[in-house]
Structure formats: structure tokens, C-alpha cells
C-alpha atoms as a PDB file:
ATOM      1  CA  MET A   1       0.000   0.000   0.000  1.00  0.00           C
ATOM      2  CA  ASN A   2       1.442   3.326  -1.003  1.00  0.00           C
ATOM      3  CA  SER A   3       1.984   5.849   1.785  1.00  0.00           C
ATOM      4  CA  PRO A   4      -0.120   8.991   1.592  1.00  0.00           C
ATOM      5  CA  CYS A   5       1.727  11.984   0.226  1.00  0.00           C
ATOM      6  CA  ARG A   6       2.417  14.904   2.571  1.00  0.00           C
ATOM      7  CA  HIS A   7       3.295  18.412   1.529  1.00  0.00           C
ATOM      8  CA  SER A   8       6.756  18.365   0.024  1.00  0.00           C
ATOM      9  CA  PRO A   9       9.553  19.406   2.398  1.00  0.00           C
ATOM     10  CA  VAL A  10      10.597  23.022   2.045  1.00  0.00           C
ATOM     11  CA  GLY A  11      14.256  23.731   2.622  1.00  0.00           C
ATOM     12  CA  MET A  12      16.956  21.167   3.300  1.00  0.00           C
ATOM     13  CA  PHE A  13      14.610  19.571   5.821  1.00  0.00           C
ATOM     14  CA  LYS A  14      10.909  19.517   6.550  1.00  0.00           C
ATOM     15  CA  TYR A  15       9.996  22.335   8.879  1.00  0.00           C
ATOM     16  CA  SER A  16       6.267  22.458   8.550  1.00  0.00           C
ATOM     17  CA  LEU A  17       5.635  25.746  10.279  1.00  0.00           C
ATOM     18  CA  THR A  18       3.497  27.014   7.381  1.00  0.00           C
ATOM     19  CA  VAL A  19       2.223  30.409   6.470  1.00  0.00           C
ATOM     20  CA  SER A  20      -1.418  30.214   5.654  1.00  0.00           C
ATOM     21  CA  ALA A  21      -0.996  32.861   3.078  1.00  0.00           C
ATOM     22  CA  VAL A  22      -3.365  35.259   4.659  1.00  0.00           C
ATOM     23  CA  LEU A  23      -3.673  33.409   7.890  1.00  0.00           C
ATOM     24  CA  LEU A  24      -7.338  33.008   7.164  1.00  0.00           C
ATOM     25  CA  ALA A  25      -9.577  30.423   5.597  1.00  0.00           C
ATOM     26  CA  GLY A  26     -12.320  28.049   6.476  1.00  0.00           C
ATOM     27  CA  PRO A  27     -15.036  25.815   5.078  1.00  0.00           C
ATOM     28  CA  ALA A  28     -18.315  26.974   3.651  1.00  0.00           C
ATOM     29  CA  LEU A  29     -20.617  28.263   6.324  1.00  0.00           C
ATOM     30  CA  GLY A  30     -23.384  25.754   5.743  1.00  0.00           C
ATOM     31  CA  ASP A  31     -26.378  26.716   7.827  1.00  0.00           C
ATOM     32  CA  ALA A  32     -24.569  29.767   9.139  1.00  0.00           C
ATOM     33  CA  ALA A  33     -24.503  31.149   5.623  1.00  0.00           C
ATOM     34  CA  THR A  34     -28.259  31.306   5.508  1.00  0.00           C
ATOM     35  CA  VAL A  35     -28.231  33.348   8.688  1.00  0.00           C
ATOM     36  CA  ALA A  36     -25.622  35.758   7.399  1.00  0.00           C
ATOM     37  CA  ALA A  37     -26.783  36.148   3.804  1.00  0.00           C
ATOM     38  CA  PRO A  38     -29.476  38.705   2.929  1.00  0.00           C
ATOM     39  CA  ALA A  39     -32.459  37.756   0.829  1.00  0.00           C
ATOM     40  CA  ALA A  40     -31.989  37.959  -2.929  1.00  0.00           C
ATOM     41  CA  MET A  41     -31.623  41.596  -3.987  1.00  0.00           C
ATOM     42  CA  PRO A  42     -30.426  43.377  -7.101  1.00  0.00           C
ATOM     43  CA  ALA A  43     -26.635  43.660  -7.130  1.00  0.00           C
ATOM     44  CA  ALA A  44     -26.700  47.446  -6.959  1.00  0.00           C
ATOM     45  CA  THR A  45     -28.940  47.330  -3.904  1.00  0.00           C
ATOM     46  CA  VAL A  46     -26.709  44.798  -2.164  1.00  0.00           C
ATOM     47  CA  ALA A  47     -23.618  46.896  -2.830  1.00  0.00           C
ATOM     48  CA  ALA A  48     -25.259  49.951  -1.312  1.00  0.00           C
ATOM     49  CA  ALA A  49     -26.839  48.176   1.654  1.00  0.00           C
ATOM     50  CA  ALA A  50     -25.597  49.084   5.112  1.00  0.00           C
ATOM     51  CA  PRO A  51     -23.864  46.358   7.116  1.00  0.00           C
ATOM     52  CA  THR A  52     -26.199  44.161   9.124  1.00  0.00           C
ATOM     53  CA  GLU A  53     -25.933  43.897  12.884  1.00  0.00           C
ATOM     54  CA  SER A  54     -24.385  40.450  12.421  1.00  0.00           C
ATOM     55  CA  GLN A  55     -21.763  41.871  10.062  1.00  0.00           C
ATOM     56  CA  ARG A  56     -20.932  44.761  12.384  1.00  0.00           C
ATOM     57  CA  GLU A  57     -20.593  42.427  15.349  1.00  0.00           C
ATOM     58  CA  GLY A  58     -18.394  39.986  13.429  1.00  0.00           C
ATOM     59  CA  ALA A  59     -16.129  42.813  12.256  1.00  0.00           C
ATOM     60  CA  GLU A  60     -15.824  44.230  15.775  1.00  0.00           C
ATOM     61  CA  ILE A  61     -14.832  40.844  17.216  1.00  0.00           C
ATOM     62  CA  LEU A  62     -12.245  40.228  14.499  1.00  0.00           C
ATOM     63  CA  LYS A  63     -10.790  43.726  14.976  1.00  0.00           C
ATOM     64  CA  GLY A  64     -10.774  43.315  18.747  1.00  0.00           C
ATOM     65  CA  MET A  65      -8.844  40.065  18.473  1.00  0.00           C
ATOM     66  CA  ALA A  66      -6.336  41.573  16.034  1.00  0.00           C
ATOM     67  CA  ASP A  67      -5.767  44.688  18.170  1.00  0.00           C
ATOM     68  CA  TYR A  68      -5.384  42.644  21.336  1.00  0.00           C
ATOM     69  CA  LEU A  69      -2.861  40.186  19.884  1.00  0.00           C
ATOM     70  CA  ALA A  70      -0.812  42.946  18.238  1.00  0.00           C
ATOM     71  CA  GLY A  71      -0.718  44.899  21.495  1.00  0.00           C
ATOM     72  CA  LEU A  72       0.664  42.079  23.649  1.00  0.00           C
ATOM     73  CA  GLN A  73       4.287  42.525  24.667  1.00  0.00           C
ATOM     74  CA  ALA A  74       4.818  38.845  25.381  1.00  0.00           C
ATOM     75  CA  PHE A  75       2.837  35.620  25.287  1.00  0.00           C
ATOM     76  CA  THR A  76       3.020  31.866  25.043  1.00  0.00           C
ATOM     77  CA  PHE A  77       0.465  29.402  23.709  1.00  0.00           C
ATOM     78  CA  THR A  78       0.160  25.912  22.306  1.00  0.00           C
ATOM     79  CA  PHE A  79      -1.834  24.897  19.281  1.00  0.00           C
ATOM     80  CA  ARG A  80      -2.718  21.554  17.820  1.00  0.00           C
ATOM     81  CA  SER A  81      -3.404  21.780  14.099  1.00  0.00           C
ATOM     82  CA  GLY A  82      -4.416  19.541  11.222  1.00  0.00           C
ATOM     83  CA  TYR A  83      -4.290  19.993   7.475  1.00  0.00           C
ATOM     84  CA  ASP A  84      -5.604  18.086   4.478  1.00  0.00           C
ATOM     85  CA  VAL A  85      -3.243  16.765   1.843  1.00  0.00           C
ATOM     86  CA  VAL A  86      -5.151  15.983  -1.340  1.00  0.00           C
ATOM     87  CA  GLN A  87      -3.909  12.757  -2.935  1.00  0.00           C
ATOM     88  CA  PRO A  88      -3.650  12.142  -6.707  1.00  0.00           C
ATOM     89  CA  THR A  89      -6.874  10.138  -6.378  1.00  0.00           C
ATOM     90  CA  GLY A  90      -8.653  13.147  -4.879  1.00  0.00           C
ATOM     91  CA  GLN A  91      -8.829  11.582  -1.419  1.00  0.00           C
ATOM     92  CA  LYS A  92      -7.977  13.900   1.480  1.00  0.00           C
ATOM     93  CA  ILE A  93      -5.544  12.651   4.136  1.00  0.00           C
ATOM     94  CA  GLU A  94      -5.125  14.673   7.312  1.00  0.00           C
ATOM     95  CA  PHE A  95      -1.734  15.283   8.917  1.00  0.00           C
ATOM     96  CA  GLY A  96      -1.092  17.385  11.968  1.00  0.00           C
ATOM     97  CA  GLU A  97       1.333  19.058  14.341  1.00  0.00           C
ATOM     98  CA  THR A  98       1.464  20.436  17.842  1.00  0.00           C
ATOM     99  CA  ARG A  99       3.370  23.672  18.357  1.00  0.00           C
ATOM    100  CA  ARG A 100       4.398  25.715  21.351  1.00  0.00           C
ATOM    101  CA  VAL A 101       4.993  29.397  20.613  1.00  0.00           C
ATOM    102  CA  ALA A 102       6.876  31.829  22.855  1.00  0.00           C
ATOM    103  CA  MET A 103       7.017  35.510  21.880  1.00  0.00           C
ATOM    104  CA  ASP A 104       8.872  38.360  23.585  1.00  0.00           C
ATOM    105  CA  ARG A 105       8.547  41.509  21.530  1.00  0.00           C
ATOM    106  CA  PRO A 106      10.128  43.215  19.839  1.00  0.00           C
ATOM    107  CA  ASN A 107      12.733  40.701  18.756  1.00  0.00           C
ATOM    108  CA  ARG A 108      12.513  37.224  20.268  1.00  0.00           C
ATOM    109  CA  LEU A 109      10.549  34.201  19.084  1.00  0.00           C
ATOM    110  CA  ARG A 110      10.686  30.462  19.725  1.00  0.00           C
ATOM    111  CA  VAL A 111       8.496  27.838  18.036  1.00  0.00           C
ATOM    112  CA  GLU A 112       8.734  24.147  18.915  1.00  0.00           C
ATOM    113  CA  GLU A 113       6.942  21.605  16.717  1.00  0.00           C
ATOM    114  CA  VAL A 114       6.082  17.942  17.032  1.00  0.00           C
ATOM    115  CA  ALA A 115       4.601  16.523  13.822  1.00  0.00           C
ATOM    116  CA  SER A 116       1.992  13.764  13.718  1.00  0.00           C
ATOM    117  CA  ASP A 117       4.721  11.247  12.815  1.00  0.00           C
ATOM    118  CA  GLY A 118       6.703  12.233  15.917  1.00  0.00           C
ATOM    119  CA  THR A 119       9.423  14.276  14.207  1.00  0.00           C
ATOM    120  CA  ARG A 120      10.552  17.373  16.080  1.00  0.00           C
ATOM    121  CA  ASP A 121      11.631  20.777  14.804  1.00  0.00           C
ATOM    122  CA  LEU A 122      12.599  24.070  16.398  1.00  0.00           C
ATOM    123  CA  ALA A 123      12.778  27.669  15.145  1.00  0.00           C
ATOM    124  CA  ILE A 124      14.431  30.451  17.158  1.00  0.00           C
ATOM    125  CA  PHE A 125      14.881  34.151  16.455  1.00  0.00           C
ATOM    126  CA  ASP A 126      17.071  36.098  18.892  1.00  0.00           C
ATOM    127  CA  GLY A 127      17.011  39.525  17.262  1.00  0.00           C
ATOM    128  CA  ARG A 128      20.098  38.833  15.167  1.00  0.00           C
ATOM    129  CA  THR A 129      19.837  35.330  13.695  1.00  0.00           C
ATOM    130  CA  VAL A 130      17.153  32.950  12.467  1.00  0.00           C
ATOM    131  CA  THR A 131      17.862  29.307  13.342  1.00  0.00           C
ATOM    132  CA  VAL A 132      15.889  26.218  12.349  1.00  0.00           C
ATOM    133  CA  LEU A 133      16.737  22.814  13.808  1.00  0.00           C
ATOM    134  CA  LYS A 134      15.504  19.423  12.656  1.00  0.00           C
ATOM    135  CA  ALA A 135      16.130  17.565  15.870  1.00  0.00           C
ATOM    136  CA  ASP A 136      15.594  14.007  14.630  1.00  0.00           C
ATOM    137  CA  SER A 137      18.240  14.431  11.916  1.00  0.00           C
ATOM    138  CA  SER A 138      20.464  16.570  14.139  1.00  0.00           C
ATOM    139  CA  VAL A 139      20.907  19.217  11.456  1.00  0.00           C
ATOM    140  CA  PHE A 140      20.320  22.952  11.638  1.00  0.00           C
ATOM    141  CA  ALA A 141      20.461  26.013   9.413  1.00  0.00           C
ATOM    142  CA  GLN A 142      21.095  29.647  10.324  1.00  0.00           C
ATOM    143  CA  ALA A 143      20.803  32.973   8.582  1.00  0.00           C
ATOM    144  CA  PRO A 144      21.562  36.501   9.802  1.00  0.00           C
ATOM    145  CA  GLN A 145      18.434  38.624  10.240  1.00  0.00           C
ATOM    146  CA  PRO A 146      18.611  41.655  12.527  1.00  0.00           C
ATOM    147  CA  GLY A 147      15.371  43.422  13.397  1.00  0.00           C
ATOM    148  CA  THR A 148      11.994  42.612  14.903  1.00  0.00           C
ATOM    149  CA  VAL A 149       9.937  39.437  14.995  1.00  0.00           C
ATOM    150  CA  ASP A 150       7.821  40.934  12.204  1.00  0.00           C
ATOM    151  CA  ASP A 151      10.969  41.254  10.074  1.00  0.00           C
ATOM    152  CA  ALA A 152      12.059  37.710  10.911  1.00  0.00           C
ATOM    153  CA  LEU A 153       8.694  36.202   9.971  1.00  0.00           C
ATOM    154  CA  VAL A 154       8.733  37.977   6.606  1.00  0.00           C
ATOM    155  CA  TYR A 155      12.297  36.811   6.024  1.00  0.00           C
ATOM    156  CA  LEU A 156      11.468  33.209   6.933  1.00  0.00           C
ATOM    157  CA  VAL A 157       8.493  33.050   4.611  1.00  0.00           C
ATOM    158  CA  ARG A 158       9.382  35.301   1.698  1.00  0.00           C
ATOM    159  CA  ASP A 159      13.148  34.900   1.479  1.00  0.00           C
ATOM    160  CA  LEU A 160      13.902  31.511   3.012  1.00  0.00           C
ATOM    161  CA  LYS A 161      10.674  29.956   1.638  1.00  0.00           C
ATOM    162  CA  MET A 162       9.877  28.343   4.979  1.00  0.00           C
ATOM    163  CA  ARG A 163       6.345  27.460   6.071  1.00  0.00           C
ATOM    164  CA  MET A 164       4.867  29.167   9.128  1.00  0.00           C
ATOM    165  CA  PRO A 165       1.165  28.552   9.749  1.00  0.00           C
ATOM    166  CA  LEU A 166      -0.828  31.438  11.168  1.00  0.00           C
ATOM    167  CA  ALA A 167       2.249  33.666  11.056  1.00  0.00           C
ATOM    168  CA  GLN A 168       0.161  36.823  10.830  1.00  0.00           C
ATOM    169  CA  LEU A 169      -1.335  36.134  14.240  1.00  0.00           C
ATOM    170  CA  MET A 170       2.157  36.764  15.596  1.00  0.00           C
ATOM    171  CA  THR A 171       2.800  40.108  13.884  1.00  0.00           C
ATOM    172  CA  THR A 172       2.086  43.633  15.076  1.00  0.00           C
ATOM    173  CA  ARG A 173       0.717  44.416  11.604  1.00  0.00           C
ATOM    174  CA  LEU A 174      -2.272  42.140  12.076  1.00  0.00           C
ATOM    175  CA  PRO A 175      -4.789  44.999  12.615  1.00  0.00           C
ATOM    176  CA  VAL A 176      -3.566  46.650   9.392  1.00  0.00           C
ATOM    177  CA  GLU A 177      -3.335  43.571   7.198  1.00  0.00           C
ATOM    178  CA  LEU A 178      -6.603  41.842   8.111  1.00  0.00           C
ATOM    179  CA  PRO A 179      -8.956  44.559   6.797  1.00  0.00           C
ATOM    180  CA  LYS A 180      -7.147  44.525   3.455  1.00  0.00           C
ATOM    181  CA  ARG A 181      -7.960  40.846   2.952  1.00  0.00           C
ATOM    182  CA  VAL A 182     -11.355  40.279   4.527  1.00  0.00           C
ATOM    183  CA  LYS A 183     -14.186  40.710   2.008  1.00  0.00           C
ATOM    184  CA  SER A 184     -17.058  39.686   4.285  1.00  0.00           C
ATOM    185  CA  ILE A 185     -17.524  38.808   7.945  1.00  0.00           C
ATOM    186  CA  ASP A 186     -20.493  37.693  10.048  1.00  0.00           C
ATOM    187  CA  TYR A 187     -21.271  36.749  13.609  1.00  0.00           C
ATOM    188  CA  VAL A 188     -22.422  33.118  13.853  1.00  0.00           C
ATOM    189  CA  GLU A 189     -23.191  32.416  17.514  1.00  0.00           C
ATOM    190  CA  SER A 190     -22.128  32.554  21.137  1.00  0.00           C
ATOM    191  CA  THR A 191     -20.773  29.139  22.072  1.00  0.00           C
ATOM    192  CA  ASP A 192     -18.292  27.304  24.271  1.00  0.00           C
ATOM    193  CA  ILE A 193     -14.757  26.061  23.531  1.00  0.00           C
ATOM    194  CA  TYR A 194     -12.964  23.983  26.183  1.00  0.00           C
ATOM    195  CA  GLY A 195     -15.409  25.340  28.768  1.00  0.00           C
ATOM    196  CA  VAL A 196     -14.618  28.953  27.816  1.00  0.00           C
ATOM    197  CA  PRO A 197     -17.383  31.248  26.472  1.00  0.00           C
ATOM    198  CA  ALA A 198     -16.509  32.152  22.886  1.00  0.00           C
ATOM    199  CA  ASP A 199     -17.810  34.189  19.957  1.00  0.00           C
ATOM    200  CA  HIS A 200     -17.947  32.280  16.679  1.00  0.00           C
ATOM    201  CA  ILE A 201     -17.393  34.416  13.570  1.00  0.00           C
ATOM    202  CA  ALA A 202     -17.046  33.471   9.902  1.00  0.00           C
ATOM    203  CA  GLY A 203     -15.786  35.356   6.879  1.00  0.00           C
ATOM    204  CA  ARG A 204     -14.229  35.256   3.445  1.00  0.00           C
ATOM    205  CA  THR A 205     -11.256  36.624   1.551  1.00  0.00           C
ATOM    206  CA  ASP A 206     -10.619  36.355  -2.189  1.00  0.00           C
ATOM    207  CA  SER A 207      -9.060  32.923  -1.756  1.00  0.00           C
ATOM    208  CA  VAL A 208     -10.315  31.394   1.493  1.00  0.00           C
ATOM    209  CA  ASP A 209     -13.255  30.961   3.816  1.00  0.00           C
ATOM    210  CA  PHE A 210     -12.411  31.260   7.495  1.00  0.00           C
ATOM    211  CA  GLN A 211     -13.933  30.804  10.931  1.00  0.00           C
ATOM    212  CA  PHE A 212     -12.652  31.992  14.303  1.00  0.00           C
ATOM    213  CA  TRP A 213     -13.777  31.153  17.812  1.00  0.00           C
ATOM    214  CA  VAL A 214     -12.664  34.041  20.041  1.00  0.00           C
ATOM    215  CA  THR A 215     -12.751  34.306  23.832  1.00  0.00           C
ATOM    216  CA  GLU A 216     -15.578  36.563  24.997  1.00  0.00           C
ATOM    217  CA  GLY A 217     -14.756  39.574  27.169  1.00  0.00           C
ATOM    218  CA  ASP A 218     -11.718  41.794  27.641  1.00  0.00           C
ATOM    219  CA  HIS A 219      -9.139  39.253  26.485  1.00  0.00           C
ATOM    220  CA  PRO A 220     -10.232  38.280  22.944  1.00  0.00           C
ATOM    221  CA  LEU A 221      -7.803  35.447  22.269  1.00  0.00           C
ATOM    222  CA  PRO A 222      -8.340  32.951  19.445  1.00  0.00           C
ATOM    223  CA  LEU A 223      -9.395  29.514  20.673  1.00  0.00           C
ATOM    224  CA  ARG A 224      -9.972  27.844  17.308  1.00  0.00           C
ATOM    225  CA  VAL A 225      -9.594  28.642  13.611  1.00  0.00           C
ATOM    226  CA  VAL A 226     -10.760  26.729  10.544  1.00  0.00           C
ATOM    227  CA  ILE A 227      -9.543  27.670   7.061  1.00  0.00           C
ATOM    228  CA  THR A 228     -10.660  26.373   3.650  1.00  0.00           C
ATOM    229  CA  TYR A 229      -8.533  27.104   0.571  1.00  0.00           C
ATOM    230  CA  LEU A 230     -11.132  27.704  -2.128  1.00  0.00           C
ATOM    231  CA  HIS A 231      -8.858  27.707  -5.165  1.00  0.00           C
ATOM    232  CA  ALA A 232      -6.627  24.768  -4.246  1.00  0.00           C
ATOM    233  CA  PRO A 233      -7.492  21.395  -5.796  1.00  0.00           C
ATOM    234  CA  GLY A 234      -9.985  19.615  -3.577  1.00  0.00           C
ATOM    235  CA  GLU A 235     -10.466  22.698  -1.365  1.00  0.00           C
ATOM    236  CA  PRO A 236      -8.246  21.408   1.462  1.00  0.00           C
ATOM    237  CA  GLN A 237      -8.858  22.582   4.997  1.00  0.00           C
ATOM    238  CA  TYR A 238      -6.603  23.696   7.834  1.00  0.00           C
ATOM    239  CA  TRP A 239      -7.672  23.907  11.476  1.00  0.00           C
ATOM    240  CA  ALA A 240      -5.996  24.812  14.749  1.00  0.00           C
ATOM    241  CA  ASN A 241      -7.086  24.638  18.388  1.00  0.00           C
ATOM    242  CA  PHE A 242      -5.321  27.024  20.798  1.00  0.00           C
ATOM    243  CA  THR A 243      -4.669  26.195  24.458  1.00  0.00           C
ATOM    244  CA  ASP A 244      -2.483  27.314  27.366  1.00  0.00           C
ATOM    245  CA  TRP A 245      -2.517  31.022  26.570  1.00  0.00           C
ATOM    246  CA  ASN A 246      -0.273  33.023  28.922  1.00  0.00           C
ATOM    247  CA  THR A 247      -0.030  36.783  28.325  1.00  0.00           C
ATOM    248  CA  THR A 248       2.308  37.453  31.261  1.00  0.00           C
ATOM    249  CA  PRO A 249       4.954  34.749  30.836  1.00  0.00           C
ATOM    250  CA  LYS A 250       8.256  34.490  32.677  1.00  0.00           C
ATOM    251  CA  PHE A 251      10.960  33.306  30.301  1.00  0.00           C
ATOM    252  CA  ARG A 252      14.116  31.369  31.091  1.00  0.00           C
ATOM    253  CA  LYS A 253      17.365  33.222  30.434  1.00  0.00           C
ATOM    254  CA  ASP A 254      18.176  30.797  27.626  1.00  0.00           C
ATOM    255  CA  GLU A 255      14.642  30.602  26.176  1.00  0.00           C
ATOM    256  CA  PHE A 256      15.611  32.336  22.938  1.00  0.00           C
ATOM    257  CA  GLN A 257      19.213  31.184  22.707  1.00  0.00           C
ATOM    258  CA  PHE A 258      20.257  28.384  20.368  1.00  0.00           C
ATOM    259  CA  THR A 259      22.861  25.874  21.506  1.00  0.00           C
ATOM    260  CA  PRO A 260      23.471  23.172  18.889  1.00  0.00           C
ATOM    261  CA  PRO A 261      22.948  19.639  20.194  1.00  0.00           C
ATOM    262  CA  LYS A 262      26.060  17.546  20.502  1.00  0.00           C
ATOM    263  CA  ASP A 263      27.172  16.244  17.091  1.00  0.00           C
ATOM    264  CA  ALA A 264      24.608  18.459  15.294  1.00  0.00           C
ATOM    265  CA  ARG A 265      25.628  19.390  11.775  1.00  0.00           C
ATOM    266  CA  GLN A 266      25.028  22.805  10.201  1.00  0.00           C
ATOM    267  CA  ILE A 267      23.667  22.871   6.656  1.00  0.00           C
ATOM    268  CA  PRO A 268      22.454  25.732   4.440  1.00  0.00           C
ATOM    269  CA  PHE A 269      18.826  26.591   3.910  1.00  0.00           C
ATOM    270  CA  ALA A 270      17.682  25.208   0.551  1.00  0.00           C
ATOM    271  CA  VAL A 271      17.307  28.742  -0.790  1.00  0.00           C
ATOM    272  CA  GLN A 272      20.874  29.592   0.199  1.00  0.00           C
ATOM    273  CA  LEU A 273      22.159  26.419  -1.467  1.00  0.00           C
ATOM    274  CA  LYS A 274      20.204  27.114  -4.659  1.00  0.00           C
ATOM    275  CA  ARG A 275      21.550  30.654  -4.855  1.00  0.00           C
ATOM    276  CA  ALA A 276      25.111  29.366  -4.474  1.00  0.00           C
ATOM    277  CA  VAL A 277      24.569  26.766  -7.206  1.00  0.00           C
ATOM    278  CA  ASP A 278      22.929  29.285  -9.533  1.00  0.00           C
ATOM    279  CA  SER A 279      25.780  31.728  -8.974  1.00  0.00           C
ATOM    280  CA  ALA A 280      28.400  29.078  -9.723  1.00  0.00           C
ATOM    281  CA  GLN A 281      26.594  28.069 -12.918  1.00  0.00           C
ATOM    282  CA  ALA A 282      25.969  31.602 -14.170  1.00  0.00           C
ATOM    283  CA  PRO A 283      27.893  32.559 -17.335  1.00  0.00           C
ATOM    284  CA  ALA A 284      31.058  34.521 -16.568  1.00  0.00           C
ATOM    285  CA  PRO A 285      31.292  38.111 -17.870  1.00  0.00           C
ATOM    286  CA  ASP A 286      33.286  38.568 -21.078  1.00  0.00           C
ATOM    287  CA  GLY A 287      36.995  38.306 -20.391  1.00  0.00           C
ATOM    288  CA  GLU A 288      36.560  36.640 -17.000  1.00  0.00           C
ATOM    289  CA  VAL A 289      37.360  33.034 -16.345  1.00  0.00           C
ATOM    290  CA  LYS A 290      35.420  31.303 -13.564  1.00  0.00           C
ATOM    291  CA  PRO A 291      37.211  28.737 -11.394  1.00  0.00           C
END
């Protein structure tokens, strides 16, 4: 029996901290859609219609969550996530990870991952260097990156082509970026997640449907997110459940320091290796002989 196919590894090793491109997505709303959607109206009338109470409430909750997360100086949380991998047959197979995130703004981040197959990975940013360790293979890669956590996340995703799910939840630009992407938002219901009262909201961007369950009250933390990628083959889904939120953490002195394990071997990021190969293979300028 052939093994199901995961996402291909990115980099010299699999580090499946993925960026969900916008951070958002989710399945179709089902019954909730009938609550949120207005009765059939001419397009011009719909465009001019004022937001419904449900839409206003959903937007306020989403904005409150974004403002609250972006305003936190430090936090830790754990999330268990799952994602569909669509097979050549069209069948969806779910894989998953558990991650522990530690953030100390403006310039320290640690993310520990345990994949569903038991493999372990670690990413650390200390304000100067980005390090990613694949513990089971005892290999790690490093790249210089001075600046803030926001800068490091952009560098990881855009330049190093690493995957970092829900990365935007960890940036201070969340309140600015979310409104640019969200095309519609509605309040679904007041419910309960892990015994905690939560507001359930659902929305859409150009490419995804998304749902959030957000803690009610003065500390609007995400408790669950579901994302559906509308334009990907098979419309795969990503979900994450958040636990163990701590917004006043006490960090160890070495929390954001990287000490290579004994016998660990340093390797380049795949992007760095490709650039070196491309440079070596590039035609030499006229009159210059390459070694």
C-alpha cells in the first residue's frame, strides 16, 4: 500500500511551520450562511446596503482580536493543528502538528513543533539570527536577520521559503493587514470552547473561507480557527485549536538562545544552497574566467 503523500519538504529539511498565506480560511458556512446572507436583492442594492448587525458584530470581534494580539508585549500558547493533503486520487488525508509558541517583543521568538509522525523541529529568532533545527536528523540552518519578529517572519516566509502557519497572528501588523484581505464577515453564535465562552465568527477573503472562535470579554484570544482554501485542488482545509494562553509569561534566560545539540551538523537553507549553485553556474562576464 502506497503511503499517503504529505506536503513536500521546504528547505533542506521539513519544517512544517506554514504560512497560511493570509492566515485566514475556512469551510463553507453551511447553515450559518443562511443566517448571514441577505435575501436575494439586485446587485446594486446589495452593494449599497448598510452592514447588518451580524456583520458589524463579526467585524468588531475580528478587529478586537487583532488589536489585542498585536498589542501584547509577550505571550506563550500551544496549538494543535491539522491539514488536508489531497492525494492524486482526490482523497484527502489529514496530517497534523502540535506547536508551542513563545514571543517576547520586539525581537525574540521560539516555536517548537512535534509533527503527527513524531518528528521534532525548532525555530528560534534572537534579534540577530534565524535558526531552524531538525532535531531528529540533528541538522540545523542559520541565517543573519537583525530586526523585529515581524521582520524575521517575513524573512522566513518570503526569502527563506519556509512554512509558518498562522504567522500573521504573531505580527504587530495584524490589525492593518486583516482589513485589506477580509471581504465579508459575520457573527455566527455565542458558544463554548474547552469550557470557555466564545464568539464564533465566519468570513471570506478572495481565496479562502475562514472561521474563528474568540474568547468573549476583555481578552479576545483565538481559541480555534478553521480555514478552507477555495482555489486549491480539492479545497483542502486547515484547522488549529489554541490552548495554554499566557499573556504574562516568565521566560528562562536561555529561552531564545540556540545551543546546537552535541554532534549536530550545520547545513544551508535550501534557498541559500540554490543561490550558491545558480551563482556558480551563471555565465562569466566577457573576459573573465570562472574557477
